[in-house]
Amino acid sequence: QAQLVESGGDWVQAGGSLRLTCAASGLTVSKYIMAWFRQAPGQEREFVAALNYDGSPHYRDSVKGRFTISRDIDQNAVNLQLSTLQPEDTAVYYCAMGRPPYRLGADPGTSPTDYTNWGQGTQVTVSS
């Protein structure tokens, strides 16, 4: 059974950086679309970044240039480097796998319903 486990969340001051890791078991991350979402208190879960199965990254506009998604083939993990963090980045960050089948040439979905095998999340808190 596929399982995703997030780690790396922490409390940081505005302008700081963090590296989140999504460790996968029961699936090979290089064969699937993998994504990060986040959910702030009282807010809906929102798309942050995704790696298409061809390795191309996609980001929500507000994190472009600050966040970087990557995959570690050896560790079978997907990482999210967060830089220049702002208080509005405070949320629980979740990792998930894109629901197959995938359309050739299509961008990754940005709705939570496009994804499955959610991890338990890791808390990121950014203070001003």
Foldseek 3Di string as FASTA:
>chain_A
DKAWAKDWADEEAAQAKIKMKIQIDPDQPLQFKKFKWWDDPPGDIWGAKIQHNVRDIDGDPVCPPAKDWGADRVRSMIMIIGGSDDQVVWTWMKMWTFDDDDDPPDDQDTDCVRTDNIHPTHTHGYHD
